Each structure stands twice: as structure tokens, then as C-alpha cells.
C-alpha atoms as a PDB file:
ATOM      1  CA  MET A   1      62.975 -25.916  -5.753  1.00  0.00           C
ATOM      2  CA  GLY A   2      60.438 -25.036  -3.066  1.00  0.00           C
ATOM      3  CA  GLN A   3      56.690 -24.843  -3.503  1.00  0.00           C
ATOM      4  CA  LYS A   4      55.175 -21.379  -4.081  1.00  0.00           C
ATOM      5  CA  LYS A   5      51.675 -20.018  -4.102  1.00  0.00           C
ATOM      6  CA  ASP A   6      48.950 -21.368  -6.367  1.00  0.00           C
ATOM      7  CA  LEU A   7      49.460 -21.178 -10.100  1.00  0.00           C
ATOM      8  CA  THR A   8      48.432 -17.974 -11.794  1.00  0.00           C
ATOM      9  CA  GLY A   9      46.070 -17.879 -14.741  1.00  0.00           C
ATOM     10  CA  SER A  10      48.993 -17.150 -17.070  1.00  0.00           C
ATOM     11  CA  GLU A  11      50.943 -20.135 -15.766  1.00  0.00           C
ATOM     12  CA  LYS A  12      47.976 -22.450 -16.196  1.00  0.00           C
ATOM     13  CA  SER A  13      47.595 -21.330 -19.814  1.00  0.00           C
ATOM     14  CA  LYS A  14      51.268 -22.030 -20.468  1.00  0.00           C
ATOM     15  CA  ILE A  15      50.985 -25.503 -18.937  1.00  0.00           C
ATOM     16  CA  VAL A  16      48.107 -26.366 -21.269  1.00  0.00           C
ATOM     17  CA  ARG A  17      50.088 -25.067 -24.259  1.00  0.00           C
ATOM     18  CA  TYR A  18      53.221 -27.005 -23.278  1.00  0.00           C
ATOM     19  CA  LEU A  19      51.205 -30.189 -22.830  1.00  0.00           C
ATOM     20  CA  ALA A  20      49.726 -29.723 -26.309  1.00  0.00           C
ATOM     21  CA  GLU A  21      53.291 -29.446 -27.635  1.00  0.00           C
ATOM     22  CA  GLY A  22      54.170 -32.803 -25.984  1.00  0.00           C
ATOM     23  CA  CYS A  23      56.222 -31.521 -23.054  1.00  0.00           C
ATOM     24  CA  SER A  24      56.431 -33.662 -19.912  1.00  0.00           C
ATOM     25  CA  SER A  25      55.381 -32.368 -16.512  1.00  0.00           C
ATOM     26  CA  LEU A  26      59.027 -32.343 -15.410  1.00  0.00           C
ATOM     27  CA  LYS A  27      60.086 -30.208 -18.378  1.00  0.00           C
ATOM     28  CA  ILE A  28      57.172 -27.812 -17.832  1.00  0.00           C
ATOM     29  CA  ALA A  29      58.230 -27.406 -14.191  1.00  0.00           C
ATOM     30  CA  LYS A  30      61.735 -26.436 -15.301  1.00  0.00           C
ATOM     31  CA  LEU A  31      60.410 -23.996 -17.932  1.00  0.00           C
ATOM     32  CA  LEU A  32      58.135 -22.260 -15.433  1.00  0.00           C
ATOM     33  CA  LYS A  33      60.584 -22.595 -12.547  1.00  0.00           C
ATOM     34  CA  ARG A  34      57.892 -24.146 -10.390  1.00  0.00           C
ATOM     35  CA  ASP A  35      57.885 -27.240  -8.192  1.00  0.00           C
ATOM     36  CA  HIS A  36      57.240 -30.430 -10.157  1.00  0.00           C
ATOM     37  CA  ARG A  37      54.584 -31.555  -7.643  1.00  0.00           C
ATOM     38  CA  THR A  38      52.578 -28.360  -8.230  1.00  0.00           C
ATOM     39  CA  ILE A  39      52.567 -28.897 -12.006  1.00  0.00           C
ATOM     40  CA  LYS A  40      51.688 -32.569 -11.652  1.00  0.00           C
ATOM     41  CA  ARG A  41      48.819 -31.821  -9.251  1.00  0.00           C
ATOM     42  CA  PHE A  42      47.326 -29.259 -11.634  1.00  0.00           C
ATOM     43  CA  ILE A  43      47.506 -31.747 -14.558  1.00  0.00           C
ATOM     44  CA  GLN A  44      45.837 -34.500 -12.510  1.00  0.00           C
ATOM     45  CA  ASN A  45      43.015 -32.208 -11.319  1.00  0.00           C
ATOM     46  CA  SER A  46      42.432 -30.977 -14.861  1.00  0.00           C
ATOM     47  CA  GLN A  47      42.173 -34.522 -16.179  1.00  0.00           C
ATOM     48  CA  GLN A  48      39.709 -35.536 -13.455  1.00  0.00           C
ATOM     49  CA  GLY A  49      37.382 -32.624 -14.225  1.00  0.00           C
ATOM     50  CA  ARG A  50      34.641 -31.304 -11.937  1.00  0.00           C
ATOM     51  CA  LYS A  51      32.612 -33.756  -9.980  1.00  0.00           C
ATOM     52  CA  LYS A  52      28.964 -33.793 -10.864  1.00  0.00           C
ATOM     53  CA  ARG A  53      26.626 -32.600  -8.171  1.00  0.00           C
ATOM     54  CA  VAL A  54      24.475 -35.382  -6.837  1.00  0.00           C
ATOM     55  CA  GLU A  55      20.928 -34.172  -6.453  1.00  0.00           C
ATOM     56  CA  LYS A  56      19.358 -35.465  -3.277  1.00  0.00           C
ATOM     57  CA  PRO A  57      15.704 -36.380  -3.525  1.00  0.00           C
ATOM     58  CA  ARG A  58      13.586 -33.652  -1.974  1.00  0.00           C
ATOM     59  CA  ARG A  59      11.017 -34.360   0.651  1.00  0.00           C
ATOM     60  CA  LYS A  60       7.562 -33.988  -0.858  1.00  0.00           C
ATOM     61  CA  ILE A  61       4.609 -32.904   1.245  1.00  0.00           C
ATOM     62  CA  THR A  62       1.062 -34.065   0.788  1.00  0.00           C
ATOM     63  CA  ALA A  63      -1.980 -31.883   0.142  1.00  0.00           C
ATOM     64  CA  HIS A  64      -3.063 -32.475   3.732  1.00  0.00           C
ATOM     65  CA  GLU A  65       0.318 -31.298   5.054  1.00  0.00           C
ATOM     66  CA  LEU A  66       0.174 -28.248   2.794  1.00  0.00           C
ATOM     67  CA  ARG A  67      -3.155 -27.227   4.336  1.00  0.00           C
ATOM     68  CA  LYS A  68      -1.636 -27.600   7.798  1.00  0.00           C
ATOM     69  CA  VAL A  69       1.284 -25.370   6.782  1.00  0.00           C
ATOM     70  CA  LYS A  70      -1.093 -22.658   5.501  1.00  0.00           C
ATOM     71  CA  ARG A  71      -3.073 -22.685   8.752  1.00  0.00           C
ATOM     72  CA  ALA A  72       0.111 -22.566  10.839  1.00  0.00           C
ATOM     73  CA  ALA A  73       1.489 -19.634   8.834  1.00  0.00           C
ATOM     74  CA  ALA A  74      -1.753 -17.726   9.464  1.00  0.00           C
ATOM     75  CA  LYS A  75      -1.625 -18.447  13.210  1.00  0.00           C
ATOM     76  CA  MET A  76       2.119 -17.730  13.614  1.00  0.00           C
ATOM     77  CA  PRO A  77       2.900 -14.332  12.049  1.00  0.00           C
ATOM     78  CA  LEU A  78       6.615 -13.545  11.660  1.00  0.00           C
ATOM     79  CA  ALA A  79       7.615 -17.134  12.510  1.00  0.00           C
ATOM     80  CA  THR A  80      10.481 -18.823  10.662  1.00  0.00           C
ATOM     81  CA  SER A  81       9.803 -21.487   8.047  1.00  0.00           C
ATOM     82  CA  LEU A  82      11.380 -24.071  10.374  1.00  0.00           C
ATOM     83  CA  ALA A  83       9.085 -23.137  13.264  1.00  0.00           C
ATOM     84  CA  ILE A  84       6.013 -23.309  11.018  1.00  0.00           C
ATOM     85  CA  PHE A  85       6.880 -26.759   9.684  1.00  0.00           C
ATOM     86  CA  GLN A  86       7.840 -28.067  13.119  1.00  0.00           C
ATOM     87  CA  SER A  87       4.477 -26.953  14.502  1.00  0.00           C
ATOM     88  CA  CYS A  88       2.891 -29.171  11.831  1.00  0.00           C
ATOM     89  CA  ASN A  89       5.177 -32.119  12.723  1.00  0.00           C
ATOM     90  CA  ILE A  90       6.649 -32.050   9.202  1.00  0.00           C
ATOM     91  CA  THR A  91      10.331 -32.944   9.235  1.00  0.00           C
ATOM     92  CA  GLY A  92      13.038 -33.579   6.678  1.00  0.00           C
ATOM     93  CA  VAL A  93      12.117 -30.620   4.438  1.00  0.00           C
ATOM     94  CA  PRO A  94      15.129 -28.435   3.475  1.00  0.00           C
ATOM     95  CA  LYS A  95      14.938 -24.699   3.925  1.00  0.00           C
ATOM     96  CA  SER A  96      14.813 -23.968   0.180  1.00  0.00           C
ATOM     97  CA  THR A  97      11.763 -26.220  -0.200  1.00  0.00           C
ATOM     98  CA  ARG A  98      10.055 -24.764   2.886  1.00  0.00           C
ATOM     99  CA  CYS A  99      10.501 -21.220   1.573  1.00  0.00           C
ATOM    100  CA  ALA A 100       9.301 -22.203  -1.900  1.00  0.00           C
ATOM    101  CA  ILE A 101       6.120 -23.678  -0.406  1.00  0.00           C
ATOM    102  CA  LEU A 102       5.483 -20.696   1.862  1.00  0.00           C
ATOM    103  CA  ARG A 103       6.180 -18.199  -0.923  1.00  0.00           C
ATOM    104  CA  ASP A 104       2.911 -19.207  -2.609  1.00  0.00           C
ATOM    105  CA  THR A 105       0.784 -18.244   0.386  1.00  0.00           C
ATOM    106  CA  ALA A 106       2.861 -15.876   2.522  1.00  0.00           C
ATOM    107  CA  LYS A 107       5.419 -13.058   2.450  1.00  0.00           C
ATOM    108  CA  VAL A 108       8.481 -12.200   4.524  1.00  0.00           C
ATOM    109  CA  ARG A 109       7.634  -8.964   6.317  1.00  0.00           C
ATOM    110  CA  LYS A 110       8.709  -6.902   9.300  1.00  0.00           C
ATOM    111  CA  ALA A 111       6.511  -6.364  12.322  1.00  0.00           C
ATOM    112  CA  GLU A 112       4.079  -3.465  12.034  1.00  0.00           C
ATOM    113  CA  ARG A 113       5.048  -0.460  14.132  1.00  0.00           C
ATOM    114  CA  ARG A 114       1.539   0.942  14.177  1.00  0.00           C
ATOM    115  CA  PRO A 115      -0.883  -0.450  16.771  1.00  0.00           C
ATOM    116  CA  PRO A 116      -3.766  -2.507  15.375  1.00  0.00           C
ATOM    117  CA  LEU A 117      -7.090  -0.726  14.997  1.00  0.00           C
ATOM    118  CA  ASN A 118     -10.144  -2.364  16.528  1.00  0.00           C
ATOM    119  CA  LYS A 119     -13.740  -1.683  15.516  1.00  0.00           C
ATOM    120  CA  THR A 120     -14.158   1.146  18.045  1.00  0.00           C
ATOM    121  CA  HIS A 121     -10.972   2.873  16.840  1.00  0.00           C
ATOM    122  CA  LYS A 122     -12.136   2.754  13.234  1.00  0.00           C
ATOM    123  CA  LEU A 123     -15.574   4.136  14.070  1.00  0.00           C
ATOM    124  CA  LYS A 124     -14.029   7.030  16.027  1.00  0.00           C
ATOM    125  CA  ARG A 125     -11.665   7.792  13.146  1.00  0.00           C
ATOM    126  CA  GLN A 126     -14.602   7.890  10.739  1.00  0.00           C
ATOM    127  CA  ASP A 127     -16.626  10.131  13.076  1.00  0.00           C
ATOM    128  CA  TRP A 128     -13.638  12.459  13.406  1.00  0.00           C
ATOM    129  CA  ALA A 129     -13.241  12.672   9.612  1.00  0.00           C
ATOM    130  CA  LYS A 130     -16.933  13.466   9.144  1.00  0.00           C
ATOM    131  CA  LYS A 131     -16.819  16.135  11.877  1.00  0.00           C
ATOM    132  CA  TYR A 132     -13.880  18.026  10.373  1.00  0.00           C
ATOM    133  CA  LEU A 133     -14.574  17.420   6.690  1.00  0.00           C
ATOM    134  CA  LYS A 134     -15.545  21.062   6.087  1.00  0.00           C
ATOM    135  CA  THR A 135     -12.870  22.570   8.335  1.00  0.00           C
ATOM    136  CA  ASP A 136     -10.502  25.242   7.051  1.00  0.00           C
ATOM    137  CA  PHE A 137      -7.268  23.428   7.905  1.00  0.00           C
ATOM    138  CA  SER A 138      -5.162  26.529   7.287  1.00  0.00           C
ATOM    139  CA  LYS A 139      -6.417  27.632  10.734  1.00  0.00           C
ATOM    140  CA  VAL A 140      -5.323  24.429  12.515  1.00  0.00           C
ATOM    141  CA  LEU A 141      -2.078  24.305  14.500  1.00  0.00           C
ATOM    142  CA  TRP A 142      -0.800  20.706  14.391  1.00  0.00           C
ATOM    143  CA  THR A 143       1.492  19.884  17.337  1.00  0.00           C
ATOM    144  CA  ASP A 144       3.449  16.896  18.573  1.00  0.00           C
ATOM    145  CA  GLU A 145       6.610  15.804  20.375  1.00  0.00           C
ATOM    146  CA  MET A 146       9.500  13.833  18.920  1.00  0.00           C
ATOM    147  CA  ARG A 147      12.414  12.150  20.670  1.00  0.00           C
ATOM    148  CA  VAL A 148      15.773  12.108  18.891  1.00  0.00           C
ATOM    149  CA  SER A 149      18.638   9.886  20.046  1.00  0.00           C
ATOM    150  CA  LEU A 150      22.361  10.119  19.464  1.00  0.00           C
ATOM    151  CA  ASP A 151      22.449   7.117  17.125  1.00  0.00           C
ATOM    152  CA  GLY A 152      19.230   7.473  15.146  1.00  0.00           C
ATOM    153  CA  PRO A 153      16.084   5.315  15.036  1.00  0.00           C
ATOM    154  CA  ASP A 154      17.967   2.022  14.619  1.00  0.00           C
ATOM    155  CA  GLY A 155      21.473   2.927  15.779  1.00  0.00           C
ATOM    156  CA  TRP A 156      22.894   1.809  12.410  1.00  0.00           C
ATOM    157  CA  ALA A 157      22.538   2.459   8.711  1.00  0.00           C
ATOM    158  CA  ARG A 158      23.207   0.645   5.463  1.00  0.00           C
ATOM    159  CA  GLY A 159      24.225   2.044   2.103  1.00  0.00           C
ATOM    160  CA  TRP A 160      26.597   1.722  -0.824  1.00  0.00           C
ATOM    161  CA  ILE A 161      30.333   1.408  -0.137  1.00  0.00           C
ATOM    162  CA  GLY A 162      32.900   1.915  -2.905  1.00  0.00           C
ATOM    163  CA  LYS A 163      35.139  -1.000  -3.824  1.00  0.00           C
ATOM    164  CA  GLY A 164      38.311  -1.032  -1.771  1.00  0.00           C
ATOM    165  CA  GLN A 165      36.710   1.081   0.975  1.00  0.00           C
ATOM    166  CA  ARG A 166      35.842  -0.130   4.439  1.00  0.00           C
ATOM    167  CA  ALA A 167      32.466   0.486   5.984  1.00  0.00           C
ATOM    168  CA  PRO A 168      32.595   3.085   8.801  1.00  0.00           C
ATOM    169  CA  VAL A 169      32.489   1.632  12.299  1.00  0.00           C
ATOM    170  CA  PRO A 170      29.579   3.094  14.287  1.00  0.00           C
ATOM    171  CA  LEU A 171      30.068   4.324  17.815  1.00  0.00           C
ATOM    172  CA  ARG A 172      29.030   1.797  20.425  1.00  0.00           C
ATOM    173  CA  ARG A 173      27.635   2.904  23.757  1.00  0.00           C
ATOM    174  CA  GLN A 174      26.885   0.516  26.575  1.00  0.00           C
ATOM    175  CA  GLN A 175      24.115   2.733  27.941  1.00  0.00           C
ATOM    176  CA  GLY A 176      22.764   4.169  24.676  1.00  0.00           C
ATOM    177  CA  GLY A 177      23.464   7.826  25.408  1.00  0.00           C
ATOM    178  CA  GLY A 178      19.921   9.092  25.825  1.00  0.00           C
ATOM    179  CA  GLY A 179      18.077  11.570  23.653  1.00  0.00           C
ATOM    180  CA  VAL A 180      16.351  14.930  23.371  1.00  0.00           C
ATOM    181  CA  LEU A 181      12.595  15.504  23.462  1.00  0.00           C
ATOM    182  CA  VAL A 182      11.464  18.105  20.936  1.00  0.00           C
ATOM    183  CA  TRP A 183       8.091  19.854  20.573  1.00  0.00           C
ATOM    184  CA  ALA A 184       6.936  21.731  17.475  1.00  0.00           C
ATOM    185  CA  GLY A 185       3.851  22.794  15.573  1.00  0.00           C
ATOM    186  CA  ILE A 186       2.900  23.626  11.991  1.00  0.00           C
ATOM    187  CA  ILE A 187       0.108  25.850  10.729  1.00  0.00           C
ATOM    188  CA  LYS A 188      -0.538  26.706   7.097  1.00  0.00           C
ATOM    189  CA  ASP A 189       3.036  27.344   5.838  1.00  0.00           C
ATOM    190  CA  GLU A 190       4.648  28.219   9.179  1.00  0.00           C
ATOM    191  CA  LEU A 191       6.762  26.174  11.570  1.00  0.00           C
ATOM    192  CA  VAL A 192       6.317  26.864  15.279  1.00  0.00           C
ATOM    193  CA  GLY A 193       9.489  25.972  17.155  1.00  0.00           C
ATOM    194  CA  PRO A 194      11.087  23.570  17.490  1.00  0.00           C
ATOM    195  CA  PHE A 195      11.367  23.848  21.266  1.00  0.00           C
ATOM    196  CA  ARG A 196      13.491  21.589  23.433  1.00  0.00           C
ATOM    197  CA  VAL A 197      12.110  19.973  26.560  1.00  0.00           C
ATOM    198  CA  GLU A 198      14.588  20.355  29.398  1.00  0.00           C
ATOM    199  CA  ASP A 199      16.727  17.250  29.879  1.00  0.00           C
ATOM    200  CA  GLY A 200      15.463  14.964  32.620  1.00  0.00           C
ATOM    201  CA  VAL A 201      11.950  16.463  32.668  1.00  0.00           C
ATOM    202  CA  LYS A 202       9.149  13.933  32.388  1.00  0.00           C
ATOM    203  CA  LEU A 203       6.125  15.443  30.694  1.00  0.00           C
ATOM    204  CA  ASN A 204       3.171  15.031  33.019  1.00  0.00           C
ATOM    205  CA  SER A 205       0.184  17.366  32.974  1.00  0.00           C
ATOM    206  CA  GLN A 206       1.818  20.056  35.073  1.00  0.00           C
ATOM    207  CA  SER A 207       5.210  20.066  33.332  1.00  0.00           C
ATOM    208  CA  TYR A 208       3.537  19.935  29.903  1.00  0.00           C
ATOM    209  CA  CYS A 209       1.452  23.027  30.635  1.00  0.00           C
ATOM    210  CA  GLN A 210       4.455  24.847  32.089  1.00  0.00           C
ATOM    211  CA  PHE A 211       6.470  23.936  28.997  1.00  0.00           C
ATOM    212  CA  LEU A 212       3.759  25.363  26.699  1.00  0.00           C
ATOM    213  CA  GLU A 213       3.651  28.516  28.811  1.00  0.00           C
ATOM    214  CA  ASP A 214       7.413  29.087  28.614  1.00  0.00           C
ATOM    215  CA  THR A 215       7.775  28.300  24.916  1.00  0.00           C
ATOM    216  CA  PHE A 216       4.684  28.250  22.735  1.00  0.00           C
ATOM    217  CA  PHE A 217       2.613  30.938  24.491  1.00  0.00           C
ATOM    218  CA  LYS A 218       5.392  33.360  25.473  1.00  0.00           C
ATOM    219  CA  GLN A 219       7.559  33.043  22.374  1.00  0.00           C
ATOM    220  CA  TRP A 220       4.996  32.648  19.584  1.00  0.00           C
ATOM    221  CA  TYR A 221       1.283  32.779  20.443  1.00  0.00           C
ATOM    222  CA  ARG A 222       1.239  36.108  22.288  1.00  0.00           C
ATOM    223  CA  LYS A 223       2.732  37.852  19.236  1.00  0.00           C
ATOM    224  CA  LYS A 224      -0.271  36.923  17.093  1.00  0.00           C
ATOM    225  CA  SER A 225      -3.214  39.190  16.404  1.00  0.00           C
ATOM    226  CA  ALA A 226      -6.562  38.912  18.172  1.00  0.00           C
ATOM    227  CA  SER A 227      -8.268  37.753  14.963  1.00  0.00           C
ATOM    228  CA  PHE A 228      -5.689  34.993  14.511  1.00  0.00           C
ATOM    229  CA  LYS A 229      -6.173  33.778  18.089  1.00  0.00           C
ATOM    230  CA  LYS A 230      -9.938  33.835  17.624  1.00  0.00           C
ATOM    231  CA  ASN A 231      -9.836  31.545  14.590  1.00  0.00           C
ATOM    232  CA  MET A 232      -6.918  29.241  15.452  1.00  0.00           C
ATOM    233  CA  ILE A 233      -7.710  25.604  16.291  1.00  0.00           C
ATOM    234  CA  PHE A 234      -5.197  23.832  18.542  1.00  0.00           C
ATOM    235  CA  MET A 235      -4.495  20.164  17.802  1.00  0.00           C
ATOM    236  CA  GLN A 236      -2.712  17.740  20.144  1.00  0.00           C
ATOM    237  CA  ASP A 237      -2.870  13.959  20.380  1.00  0.00           C
ATOM    238  CA  ASN A 238      -4.275  11.897  23.245  1.00  0.00           C
ATOM    239  CA  ALA A 239      -1.084  11.469  25.261  1.00  0.00           C
ATOM    240  CA  PRO A 240      -1.962  11.387  29.003  1.00  0.00           C
ATOM    241  CA  SER A 241      -0.239  14.734  29.659  1.00  0.00           C
ATOM    242  CA  HIS A 242      -2.265  16.320  26.828  1.00  0.00           C
ATOM    243  CA  ALA A 243      -5.718  14.884  27.410  1.00  0.00           C
ATOM    244  CA  SER A 244      -5.842  15.066  31.221  1.00  0.00           C
ATOM    245  CA  LYS A 245      -8.446  17.171  33.008  1.00  0.00           C
ATOM    246  CA  TYR A 246      -5.672  19.401  34.364  1.00  0.00           C
ATOM    247  CA  SER A 247      -4.280  20.205  30.895  1.00  0.00           C
ATOM    248  CA  THR A 248      -7.714  20.652  29.349  1.00  0.00           C
ATOM    249  CA  ALA A 249      -8.744  23.096  32.099  1.00  0.00           C
ATOM    250  CA  TRP A 250      -5.422  24.957  31.814  1.00  0.00           C
ATOM    251  CA  LEU A 251      -5.796  25.393  28.039  1.00  0.00           C
ATOM    252  CA  ALA A 252      -9.390  26.546  28.566  1.00  0.00           C
ATOM    253  CA  ARG A 253      -8.125  29.353  30.797  1.00  0.00           C
ATOM    254  CA  LYS A 254      -5.871  30.342  27.882  1.00  0.00           C
ATOM    255  CA  GLY A 255      -8.912  30.587  25.634  1.00  0.00           C
ATOM    256  CA  ILE A 256      -8.308  27.249  23.873  1.00  0.00           C
ATOM    257  CA  LYS A 257     -11.478  25.290  24.530  1.00  0.00           C
ATOM    258  CA  GLU A 258     -14.554  23.771  22.916  1.00  0.00           C
ATOM    259  CA  GLU A 259     -14.276  24.104  19.098  1.00  0.00           C
ATOM    260  CA  LYS A 260     -10.847  25.770  19.408  1.00  0.00           C
ATOM    261  CA  LEU A 261      -9.410  22.530  20.834  1.00  0.00           C
ATOM    262  CA  MET A 262      -9.583  19.755  18.257  1.00  0.00           C
ATOM    263  CA  THR A 263     -10.763  16.363  19.421  1.00  0.00           C
ATOM    264  CA  TRP A 264      -8.425  13.594  18.339  1.00  0.00           C
ATOM    265  CA  PRO A 265      -9.218   9.968  17.458  1.00  0.00           C
ATOM    266  CA  PRO A 266      -7.196   7.147  19.104  1.00  0.00           C
ATOM    267  CA  CYS A 267      -4.210   5.495  17.398  1.00  0.00           C
ATOM    268  CA  SER A 268      -4.021   8.075  14.615  1.00  0.00           C
ATOM    269  CA  PRO A 269      -0.456   9.311  14.012  1.00  0.00           C
ATOM    270  CA  ASP A 270      -1.104   8.867  10.278  1.00  0.00           C
ATOM    271  CA  LEU A 271      -3.631  11.717  10.406  1.00  0.00           C
ATOM    272  CA  ASN A 272      -1.240  14.262  11.916  1.00  0.00           C
ATOM    273  CA  PRO A 273       0.812  15.989   9.167  1.00  0.00           C
ATOM    274  CA  ILE A 274       3.550  16.975  11.606  1.00  0.00           C
ATOM    275  CA  GLU A 275       4.571  13.296  11.719  1.00  0.00           C
ATOM    276  CA  ASN A 276       5.749  13.786   8.135  1.00  0.00           C
ATOM    277  CA  LEU A 277       7.762  16.798   9.256  1.00  0.00           C
ATOM    278  CA  TRP A 278       9.485  14.632  11.864  1.00  0.00           C
ATOM    279  CA  SER A 279      10.377  12.161   9.100  1.00  0.00           C
ATOM    280  CA  ILE A 280      11.922  14.937   7.001  1.00  0.00           C
ATOM    281  CA  ILE A 281      14.007  16.163   9.950  1.00  0.00           C
ATOM    282  CA  LYS A 282      15.162  12.679  10.965  1.00  0.00           C
ATOM    283  CA  CYS A 283      16.184  11.812   7.412  1.00  0.00           C
ATOM    284  CA  GLU A 284      18.301  14.954   7.361  1.00  0.00           C
ATOM    285  CA  ILE A 285      19.998  14.640  10.752  1.00  0.00           C
ATOM    286  CA  TYR A 286      20.736  10.901  10.387  1.00  0.00           C
ATOM    287  CA  LYS A 287      21.699  10.836   6.701  1.00  0.00           C
ATOM    288  CA  GLU A 288      24.723   8.690   5.793  1.00  0.00           C
ATOM    289  CA  GLY A 289      24.547   6.981   9.196  1.00  0.00           C
ATOM    290  CA  LYS A 290      25.342  10.179  11.108  1.00  0.00           C
ATOM    291  CA  GLN A 291      25.796   9.778  14.872  1.00  0.00           C
ATOM    292  CA  TYR A 292      26.246  12.337  17.638  1.00  0.00           C
ATOM    293  CA  THR A 293      28.427  12.480  20.717  1.00  0.00           C
ATOM    294  CA  SER A 294      26.324  14.827  22.878  1.00  0.00           C
ATOM    295  CA  LEU A 295      22.715  15.854  23.396  1.00  0.00           C
ATOM    296  CA  ASN A 296      23.546  19.457  22.494  1.00  0.00           C
ATOM    297  CA  SER A 297      25.003  18.415  19.135  1.00  0.00           C
ATOM    298  CA  VAL A 298      21.923  16.404  18.142  1.00  0.00           C
ATOM    299  CA  TRP A 299      19.682  19.300  19.247  1.00  0.00           C
ATOM    300  CA  GLU A 300      21.689  21.722  17.094  1.00  0.00           C
ATOM    301  CA  ALA A 301      21.251  19.324  14.170  1.00  0.00           C
ATOM    302  CA  VAL A 302      17.478  19.313  14.711  1.00  0.00           C
ATOM    303  CA  VAL A 303      17.370  23.116  14.735  1.00  0.00           C
ATOM    304  CA  ALA A 304      19.454  23.305  11.542  1.00  0.00           C
ATOM    305  CA  ALA A 305      17.320  20.714   9.769  1.00  0.00           C
ATOM    306  CA  ALA A 306      14.098  22.458  10.823  1.00  0.00           C
ATOM    307  CA  ARG A 307      15.474  25.773   9.552  1.00  0.00           C
ATOM    308  CA  ASN A 308      15.968  24.191   6.116  1.00  0.00           C
ATOM    309  CA  VAL A 309      12.326  23.115   5.843  1.00  0.00           C
ATOM    310  CA  ASP A 310      10.710  25.837   3.733  1.00  0.00           C
ATOM    311  CA  GLY A 311       7.164  27.142   3.819  1.00  0.00           C
ATOM    312  CA  GLU A 312       6.148  25.264   0.668  1.00  0.00           C
ATOM    313  CA  GLN A 313       6.999  21.918   2.249  1.00  0.00           C
ATOM    314  CA  ILE A 314       4.965  22.761   5.343  1.00  0.00           C
ATOM    315  CA  LYS A 315       2.084  24.007   3.194  1.00  0.00           C
ATOM    316  CA  THR A 316       2.083  20.729   1.268  1.00  0.00           C
ATOM    317  CA  LEU A 317       1.711  18.852   4.553  1.00  0.00           C
ATOM    318  CA  THR A 318      -1.086  20.985   5.980  1.00  0.00           C
ATOM    319  CA  GLU A 319      -2.967  21.041   2.677  1.00  0.00           C
ATOM    320  CA  SER A 320      -2.942  17.242   2.589  1.00  0.00           C
ATOM    321  CA  MET A 321      -5.592  17.055   5.312  1.00  0.00           C
ATOM    322  CA  ASP A 322      -8.616  17.041   2.985  1.00  0.00           C
ATOM    323  CA  GLY A 323      -7.162  14.040   1.194  1.00  0.00           C
ATOM    324  CA  ARG A 324      -6.391  12.283   4.486  1.00  0.00           C
ATOM    325  CA  LEU A 325      -9.963  12.657   5.681  1.00  0.00           C
ATOM    326  CA  LEU A 326     -11.346  11.292   2.418  1.00  0.00           C
ATOM    327  CA  SER A 327      -8.919   8.364   2.633  1.00  0.00           C
ATOM    328  CA  VAL A 328     -10.055   7.536   6.175  1.00  0.00           C
ATOM    329  CA  LEU A 329     -13.674   7.470   5.053  1.00  0.00           C
ATOM    330  CA  ALA A 330     -12.836   5.418   1.962  1.00  0.00           C
ATOM    331  CA  LYS A 331     -10.951   2.869   4.110  1.00  0.00           C
ATOM    332  CA  LYS A 332     -13.763   2.811   6.692  1.00  0.00           C
ATOM    333  CA  GLY A 333     -11.493   4.086   9.456  1.00  0.00           C
ATOM    334  CA  GLY A 334      -8.426   2.062   8.491  1.00  0.00           C
ATOM    335  CA  TYR A 335      -4.882   3.387   8.365  1.00  0.00           C
ATOM    336  CA  ILE A 336      -4.007   5.580   5.387  1.00  0.00           C
ATOM    337  CA  GLY A 337      -0.760   5.708   3.447  1.00  0.00           C
ATOM    338  CA  HIS A 338       0.677   8.982   4.784  1.00  0.00           C
END
């Protein structure tokens, strides 16, 4: 009789019962029609029982070494526990112990995407908040560009997969596939755009102004009343193509100058409510790990997602500005939670 696969749970139960009844291993093998060696091996393993785990003595560190670890963790952000302990010349400490020690004084975190704010940045953010604290933000047009790629921000996604199902295999591109640059604005409860920057165009001062002329001014701004144009405040960040002398002079010729052109503090994407709009659109177009095979398809997805953003959502974003300014002042120019 040849050997088969491992014993099933039912067969193991029967073996125990037969043994209790006084049957020999040879008789049990005949009753179950299994190889005698398989039955005998199971009986021997059962009689031996599980081996007890031998606890190895853990390496203990002294109070002096602990202070060195704390200083190293502060000087080496995002380093591994091994690198931190090696920098202190502390060896022989298992990973579980290293992590347990570090857990009391540190946390595992990702790198910050926002640039650090120095003292000058914080002072300028506070001055900006004080300057516009009494502004009617329903008159401000908040603008910005966003780049969308074919694969999303990270090129992958994670989520729940039902039992028995395989995770979808994402498309893999050797050269990435590129992306689309999108410009839009929001004012009160209205979305302006989105408008697509022509593929291959690099936005310098001249191309930026020409883009605004062909899209924003011709397709939206010129349709507005004289009173609206008189009161509207145009906001743009400090990208080189926006803040250059050429662009500033060009906007001035369009009547957007002095108090009608909002000054903008450095390193302040958290103060621009349209950044939240970009988040809403990206969550929609990349939900469930969605990927795209062409630039036109991802652009169509952006347009569809923007069309689904209603006026109330936009109004919530633009009306959040008073709270953002108060938060900046309360945090003495630091980043806020928006």
C-alpha cells in the first residue's frame, strides 16, 4: 500500500479512538487503508508532544546606552532601528527589543511632503493672515494647476480583497506614461474650468499668460459683468511663471493689479482651498486603483469628476478661509490641518 497525502483531521480522530480501544498501529493502518509507516509516524509525533520554546536571554542596554539611542533617533529621522543602534555601537540587540525601546521615545512615520517652514516663512504667513483677515472671500478667485498621471499619485493602491479572489495586477510602464497639466479656479460656489494645458507645453511666463488669455479670459472672465470684474480678487501662488515681472505686468494690463491681485505667502498650499478640490477630484478618478491607458482618457475622467463637484462643496471650501486665517495666527504661522 503506497503512501498518500498527510492524514486528515477525521483520520487523526479515528486513530486516537482506535488506540483508546487497544488497536495496534498495524490494525489501524488496515482499517483506514493507509500506509503503516504514516500511522506509526503520527503516533510517535503525538507521544513526543510539542517541543518547548527555549527563550534566549535578551541583550539588555544600560541607561547610558539608552540616552545615546534617544540622541541618535533625534539626529537620524526616518532611520531604521538597526541603523540607529549601529550608530551608537550597540550590537546584539534583536529587532523586537530595538523597536520596543524606540517605541517609548519615537514613532514610525512617513517623510513629510510639505517643505519645512523657517522663521521668515512663518512671519510672512502671519502678516498675510492679518492683511486679509477682513476680506470678503466670496470675491476671491482661487487658482492653481494640478498634474494628473495615468497611474495615480503612487502608481498603486491597496484595499480589501474578497476571499478566493486575486488582487488585480496593475499596468506596468517602463517610461511611466506621462500626465496632463490642469488649471482651474474656484470662487464662492462656482468652478472655473478645468482647462487643460496643451501637452508638451512648459509653463513659463509667456506660455502661462497666453494660456490664461485663451482659456480663463476668453471663455469665462469676459462674460462677467463690470461690477464683478471691479470687485474680483485674483489669487495665484508664487510659481516662477506666476510671480515673474512679465506675468505681473501682463495681468496689470488686464486690470488685475494692486489690491485686485492677492499677494501670496511662501510655502502655503494649505491656505489655498483649491488644493482640497484637487484632492476630491483625485480621489474620484483614482478610486479602486483605477489606471488609464491614454492622456485623453485621464483628462476626460478629470472633467467628469469636476462636473460632479456641486456648488455646496465649493462653497464649503471657499467659506473655510476665515477659519484658515485664524488657525495660521493661532499656530504663529505654522502649517494648519486643511
